[in-house]
Amino acid sequence: MKGETNEAFKASLAKVIEETRKAKGTLRYDMYEDSKEPGVLVFIETFSSPQYFEAYRNAEYIQTFMGELKNWLISEPEVRVLKPAAVAKK
């Protein structure tokens, strides 16, 4: 992430996090920052079904945000879709 835009990015992202956490099917939507590399962020996003995940990815506010990322990032984001292997139940 470009250092000079870190705070602007986080402010914009806060809106995305708020909207996503309210969205139907969202179980978790968390952001972590690397403690040794400030500006390196990891998101843990958990949805109740693949359909809700796709709805999130296609939501207008996400599409807008993804289009704005080039203003803040120094490299392309890496997105990995994971499948549960050994997950604790609540």
C-alpha atoms as a PDB file:
ATOM      1  CA  MET A   1       0.000   0.000   0.000  1.00  0.00           C
ATOM      2  CA  LYS A   2       1.241   3.465  -0.809  1.00  0.00           C
ATOM      3  CA  GLY A   3       2.216   5.043   2.515  1.00  0.00           C
ATOM      4  CA  GLU A   4       0.787   8.481   1.841  1.00  0.00           C
ATOM      5  CA  THR A   5      -2.678   7.077   1.121  1.00  0.00           C
ATOM      6  CA  ASN A   6      -2.849   4.582   3.973  1.00  0.00           C
ATOM      7  CA  GLU A   7      -5.322   6.598   6.068  1.00  0.00           C
ATOM      8  CA  ALA A   8      -7.526   7.495   3.084  1.00  0.00           C
ATOM      9  CA  PHE A   9      -7.652   3.829   2.146  1.00  0.00           C
ATOM     10  CA  LYS A  10      -8.574   2.760   5.664  1.00  0.00           C
ATOM     11  CA  ALA A  11     -11.351   5.370   5.818  1.00  0.00           C
ATOM     12  CA  SER A  12     -12.834   4.139   2.553  1.00  0.00           C
ATOM     13  CA  LEU A  13     -12.406   0.545   3.635  1.00  0.00           C
ATOM     14  CA  ALA A  14     -14.227   1.229   6.915  1.00  0.00           C
ATOM     15  CA  LYS A  15     -17.349   1.962   4.869  1.00  0.00           C
ATOM     16  CA  VAL A  16     -16.921  -1.278   2.917  1.00  0.00           C
ATOM     17  CA  ILE A  17     -16.467  -3.253   6.126  1.00  0.00           C
ATOM     18  CA  GLU A  18     -19.589  -1.713   7.656  1.00  0.00           C
ATOM     19  CA  GLU A  19     -21.736  -2.477   4.584  1.00  0.00           C
ATOM     20  CA  THR A  20     -20.393  -6.006   4.228  1.00  0.00           C
ATOM     21  CA  ARG A  21     -20.883  -6.891   7.879  1.00  0.00           C
ATOM     22  CA  LYS A  22     -24.557  -5.896   7.528  1.00  0.00           C
ATOM     23  CA  ALA A  23     -25.046  -7.888   4.318  1.00  0.00           C
ATOM     24  CA  LYS A  24     -27.095 -11.055   4.374  1.00  0.00           C
ATOM     25  CA  GLY A  25     -24.894 -14.132   4.485  1.00  0.00           C
ATOM     26  CA  THR A  26     -21.812 -12.443   5.961  1.00  0.00           C
ATOM     27  CA  LEU A  27     -20.493 -14.393   8.934  1.00  0.00           C
ATOM     28  CA  ARG A  28     -17.145 -12.580   9.364  1.00  0.00           C
ATOM     29  CA  TYR A  29     -15.362  -9.742   7.632  1.00  0.00           C
ATOM     30  CA  ASP A  30     -12.122  -8.868   9.397  1.00  0.00           C
ATOM     31  CA  MET A  31      -9.024  -6.875   8.441  1.00  0.00           C
ATOM     32  CA  TYR A  32      -5.575  -7.495   9.881  1.00  0.00           C
ATOM     33  CA  GLU A  33      -2.400  -5.458   9.393  1.00  0.00           C
ATOM     34  CA  ASP A  34       0.980  -7.171   9.372  1.00  0.00           C
ATOM     35  CA  SER A  35       2.811  -6.239  12.582  1.00  0.00           C
ATOM     36  CA  LYS A  36       6.194  -6.264  10.832  1.00  0.00           C
ATOM     37  CA  GLU A  37       5.140  -4.663   7.541  1.00  0.00           C
ATOM     38  CA  PRO A  38       2.699  -1.798   8.106  1.00  0.00           C
ATOM     39  CA  GLY A  39       0.468  -1.357   5.096  1.00  0.00           C
ATOM     40  CA  VAL A  40       0.304  -5.090   4.346  1.00  0.00           C
ATOM     41  CA  LEU A  41      -3.297  -6.021   5.015  1.00  0.00           C
ATOM     42  CA  VAL A  42      -5.005  -9.410   5.179  1.00  0.00           C
ATOM     43  CA  PHE A  43      -8.763  -9.854   5.062  1.00  0.00           C
ATOM     44  CA  ILE A  44     -10.615 -12.839   6.442  1.00  0.00           C
ATOM     45  CA  GLU A  45     -14.041 -12.952   4.843  1.00  0.00           C
ATOM     46  CA  THR A  46     -16.484 -15.718   5.718  1.00  0.00           C
ATOM     47  CA  PHE A  47     -19.882 -16.123   4.104  1.00  0.00           C
ATOM     48  CA  SER A  48     -22.599 -18.660   4.822  1.00  0.00           C
ATOM     49  CA  SER A  49     -22.636 -19.923   1.239  1.00  0.00           C
ATOM     50  CA  PRO A  50     -20.838 -19.489  -2.091  1.00  0.00           C
ATOM     51  CA  GLN A  51     -23.918 -17.663  -3.361  1.00  0.00           C
ATOM     52  CA  TYR A  52     -23.603 -14.969  -0.692  1.00  0.00           C
ATOM     53  CA  PHE A  53     -19.907 -14.638  -1.463  1.00  0.00           C
ATOM     54  CA  GLU A  54     -20.707 -14.103  -5.147  1.00  0.00           C
ATOM     55  CA  ALA A  55     -23.393 -11.563  -4.247  1.00  0.00           C
ATOM     56  CA  TYR A  56     -20.804  -9.692  -2.181  1.00  0.00           C
ATOM     57  CA  ARG A  57     -18.232  -9.755  -4.992  1.00  0.00           C
ATOM     58  CA  ASN A  58     -20.809  -8.426  -7.452  1.00  0.00           C
ATOM     59  CA  ALA A  59     -22.266  -5.746  -5.155  1.00  0.00           C
ATOM     60  CA  GLU A  60     -22.015  -2.230  -6.573  1.00  0.00           C
ATOM     61  CA  TYR A  61     -20.154  -0.839  -3.549  1.00  0.00           C
ATOM     62  CA  ILE A  62     -17.521  -3.589  -3.836  1.00  0.00           C
ATOM     63  CA  GLN A  63     -17.109  -3.034  -7.569  1.00  0.00           C
ATOM     64  CA  THR A  64     -16.623   0.695  -6.947  1.00  0.00           C
ATOM     65  CA  PHE A  65     -14.112   0.047  -4.172  1.00  0.00           C
ATOM     66  CA  MET A  66     -12.156  -2.462  -6.263  1.00  0.00           C
ATOM     67  CA  GLY A  67     -11.932   0.137  -9.032  1.00  0.00           C
ATOM     68  CA  GLU A  68     -10.438   2.627  -6.570  1.00  0.00           C
ATOM     69  CA  LEU A  69      -7.785   0.240  -5.270  1.00  0.00           C
ATOM     70  CA  LYS A  70      -5.271   1.227  -7.961  1.00  0.00           C
ATOM     71  CA  ASN A  71      -5.041   4.623  -6.263  1.00  0.00           C
ATOM     72  CA  TRP A  72      -3.805   3.052  -3.043  1.00  0.00           C
ATOM     73  CA  LEU A  73      -1.951  -0.168  -3.770  1.00  0.00           C
ATOM     74  CA  ILE A  74       1.606  -0.631  -4.976  1.00  0.00           C
ATOM     75  CA  SER A  75       0.865  -4.136  -6.287  1.00  0.00           C
ATOM     76  CA  GLU A  76      -2.149  -6.146  -7.387  1.00  0.00           C
ATOM     77  CA  PRO A  77      -4.169  -7.636  -4.529  1.00  0.00           C
ATOM     78  CA  GLU A  78      -3.882 -11.380  -4.078  1.00  0.00           C
ATOM     79  CA  VAL A  79      -7.242 -13.068  -3.580  1.00  0.00           C
ATOM     80  CA  ARG A  80      -7.458 -16.659  -2.391  1.00  0.00           C
ATOM     81  CA  VAL A  81     -10.688 -18.557  -1.924  1.00  0.00           C
ATOM     82  CA  LEU A  82     -10.215 -21.131   0.814  1.00  0.00           C
ATOM     83  CA  LYS A  83     -12.278 -24.162   1.690  1.00  0.00           C
ATOM     84  CA  PRO A  84     -12.768 -25.199   5.313  1.00  0.00           C
ATOM     85  CA  ALA A  85     -10.409 -27.966   6.410  1.00  0.00           C
ATOM     86  CA  ALA A  86     -10.472 -27.918  10.232  1.00  0.00           C
ATOM     87  CA  VAL A  87     -12.630 -25.063  11.531  1.00  0.00           C
ATOM     88  CA  ALA A  88     -13.842 -24.710  15.115  1.00  0.00           C
ATOM     89  CA  LYS A  89     -17.600 -24.667  15.538  1.00  0.00           C
ATOM     90  CA  LYS A  90     -19.225 -22.044  17.740  1.00  0.00           C
END
